[in-house]
Amino acid sequence: MRGVGESLFESVPNFSEGRDRTVIDAIAGAASVTHLLDVDGDDDHNRTVISLAGSPTFLVEALLGSIRVAVALLDVRLHR
């Protein structure tokens, strides 16, 4: 995931789903091209925070993958 001389970056995006484990797993799974450090779903606030680390190239790829899945699966008009 990291080449010699490449910097390591971290990103901690949050998504508007904290209850549906299938959706949470799909979003986190889409980030598997990088190091998935933590997935923390919060039922009360209906949010999930995903902690990722990797080289810039892999991190951007992971973030875009997670965003694509979130856009496909989440409808914030239904968010409570």
C-alpha atoms as a PDB file:
ATOM      1  CA  MET A   1       0.000   0.000   0.000  1.00  0.00           C
ATOM      2  CA  ARG A   2       2.959   2.308   0.342  1.00  0.00           C
ATOM      3  CA  GLY A   3       6.002   2.622  -1.855  1.00  0.00           C
ATOM      4  CA  VAL A   4       9.487   3.577  -0.745  1.00  0.00           C
ATOM      5  CA  GLY A   5       9.695   7.306  -0.149  1.00  0.00           C
ATOM      6  CA  GLU A   6       5.920   7.856  -0.260  1.00  0.00           C
ATOM      7  CA  SER A   7       4.236   9.808   2.471  1.00  0.00           C
ATOM      8  CA  LEU A   8       1.529   8.284   4.615  1.00  0.00           C
ATOM      9  CA  PHE A   9      -1.738  10.187   4.979  1.00  0.00           C
ATOM     10  CA  GLU A  10      -4.841   9.669   7.097  1.00  0.00           C
ATOM     11  CA  SER A  11      -8.439  10.550   6.311  1.00  0.00           C
ATOM     12  CA  VAL A  12     -11.444  10.288   8.601  1.00  0.00           C
ATOM     13  CA  PRO A  13     -14.631  10.719   6.552  1.00  0.00           C
ATOM     14  CA  ASN A  14     -18.048  10.346   8.123  1.00  0.00           C
ATOM     15  CA  PHE A  15     -21.173   9.061   6.438  1.00  0.00           C
ATOM     16  CA  SER A  16     -24.869   9.593   7.213  1.00  0.00           C
ATOM     17  CA  GLU A  17     -25.546   6.006   8.260  1.00  0.00           C
ATOM     18  CA  GLY A  18     -24.894   4.557  11.674  1.00  0.00           C
ATOM     19  CA  ARG A  19     -27.487   1.812  11.991  1.00  0.00           C
ATOM     20  CA  ASP A  20     -27.614  -0.375   8.877  1.00  0.00           C
ATOM     21  CA  ARG A  21     -24.609  -2.681   9.186  1.00  0.00           C
ATOM     22  CA  THR A  22     -24.938  -3.867   5.582  1.00  0.00           C
ATOM     23  CA  VAL A  23     -24.580  -0.309   4.285  1.00  0.00           C
ATOM     24  CA  ILE A  24     -21.769   0.497   6.726  1.00  0.00           C
ATOM     25  CA  ASP A  25     -19.859  -2.634   5.692  1.00  0.00           C
ATOM     26  CA  ALA A  26     -20.321  -1.825   1.999  1.00  0.00           C
ATOM     27  CA  ILE A  27     -18.993   1.718   2.437  1.00  0.00           C
ATOM     28  CA  ALA A  28     -16.019   0.541   4.507  1.00  0.00           C
ATOM     29  CA  GLY A  29     -15.375  -2.366   2.133  1.00  0.00           C
ATOM     30  CA  ALA A  30     -15.091   0.022  -0.787  1.00  0.00           C
ATOM     31  CA  ALA A  31     -12.082   1.559   0.968  1.00  0.00           C
ATOM     32  CA  SER A  32     -10.204  -1.735   1.132  1.00  0.00           C
ATOM     33  CA  VAL A  33      -7.458  -0.557  -1.257  1.00  0.00           C
ATOM     34  CA  THR A  34      -5.911   1.251   1.701  1.00  0.00           C
ATOM     35  CA  HIS A  35      -5.466   0.534   5.392  1.00  0.00           C
ATOM     36  CA  LEU A  36      -8.825   0.553   7.173  1.00  0.00           C
ATOM     37  CA  LEU A  37      -7.936   1.584  10.727  1.00  0.00           C
ATOM     38  CA  ASP A  38     -11.379   1.830  12.312  1.00  0.00           C
ATOM     39  CA  VAL A  39     -15.105   1.858  11.564  1.00  0.00           C
ATOM     40  CA  ASP A  40     -17.169   3.524  14.272  1.00  0.00           C
ATOM     41  CA  GLY A  41     -20.942   3.567  13.789  1.00  0.00           C
ATOM     42  CA  ASP A  42     -23.063   5.698  16.098  1.00  0.00           C
ATOM     43  CA  ASP A  43     -26.722   4.644  16.410  1.00  0.00           C
ATOM     44  CA  ASP A  44     -27.760   7.785  18.307  1.00  0.00           C
ATOM     45  CA  HIS A  45     -26.451  10.239  15.716  1.00  0.00           C
ATOM     46  CA  ASN A  46     -26.885   7.865  12.744  1.00  0.00           C
ATOM     47  CA  ARG A  47     -23.340   8.502  11.536  1.00  0.00           C
ATOM     48  CA  THR A  48     -20.338   6.323  10.840  1.00  0.00           C
ATOM     49  CA  VAL A  49     -16.738   7.516  10.948  1.00  0.00           C
ATOM     50  CA  ILE A  50     -14.201   5.518   8.952  1.00  0.00           C
ATOM     51  CA  SER A  51     -10.484   5.978   9.632  1.00  0.00           C
ATOM     52  CA  LEU A  52      -8.171   5.261   6.688  1.00  0.00           C
ATOM     53  CA  ALA A  53      -4.434   5.532   6.104  1.00  0.00           C
ATOM     54  CA  GLY A  54      -2.312   5.089   3.014  1.00  0.00           C
ATOM     55  CA  SER A  55      -0.318   6.712   0.268  1.00  0.00           C
ATOM     56  CA  PRO A  56      -2.030   9.619  -1.480  1.00  0.00           C
ATOM     57  CA  THR A  57      -2.885   7.526  -4.545  1.00  0.00           C
ATOM     58  CA  PHE A  58      -4.467   4.675  -2.622  1.00  0.00           C
ATOM     59  CA  LEU A  59      -6.158   6.998  -0.139  1.00  0.00           C
ATOM     60  CA  VAL A  60      -7.871   8.983  -2.901  1.00  0.00           C
ATOM     61  CA  GLU A  61      -8.945   5.730  -4.571  1.00  0.00           C
ATOM     62  CA  ALA A  62     -10.368   4.448  -1.263  1.00  0.00           C
ATOM     63  CA  LEU A  63     -12.226   7.685  -0.565  1.00  0.00           C
ATOM     64  CA  LEU A  64     -13.752   7.817  -4.034  1.00  0.00           C
ATOM     65  CA  GLY A  65     -14.804   4.172  -3.754  1.00  0.00           C
ATOM     66  CA  SER A  66     -16.509   4.794  -0.421  1.00  0.00           C
ATOM     67  CA  ILE A  67     -18.209   7.897  -1.754  1.00  0.00           C
ATOM     68  CA  ARG A  68     -19.511   6.010  -4.802  1.00  0.00           C
ATOM     69  CA  VAL A  69     -21.047   3.341  -2.558  1.00  0.00           C
ATOM     70  CA  ALA A  70     -22.507   5.939  -0.188  1.00  0.00           C
ATOM     71  CA  VAL A  71     -24.102   7.849  -3.065  1.00  0.00           C
ATOM     72  CA  ALA A  72     -25.596   4.617  -4.406  1.00  0.00           C
ATOM     73  CA  LEU A  73     -26.944   3.382  -1.051  1.00  0.00           C
ATOM     74  CA  LEU A  74     -27.814   6.440   1.024  1.00  0.00           C
ATOM     75  CA  ASP A  75     -30.803   8.725   0.650  1.00  0.00           C
ATOM     76  CA  VAL A  76     -30.379  11.597   3.099  1.00  0.00           C
ATOM     77  CA  ARG A  77     -34.007  12.580   2.576  1.00  0.00           C
ATOM     78  CA  LEU A  78     -34.778   9.480   4.694  1.00  0.00           C
ATOM     79  CA  HIS A  79     -32.079  10.190   7.269  1.00  0.00           C
ATOM     80  CA  ARG A  80     -33.296  10.417  10.864  1.00  0.00           C
END
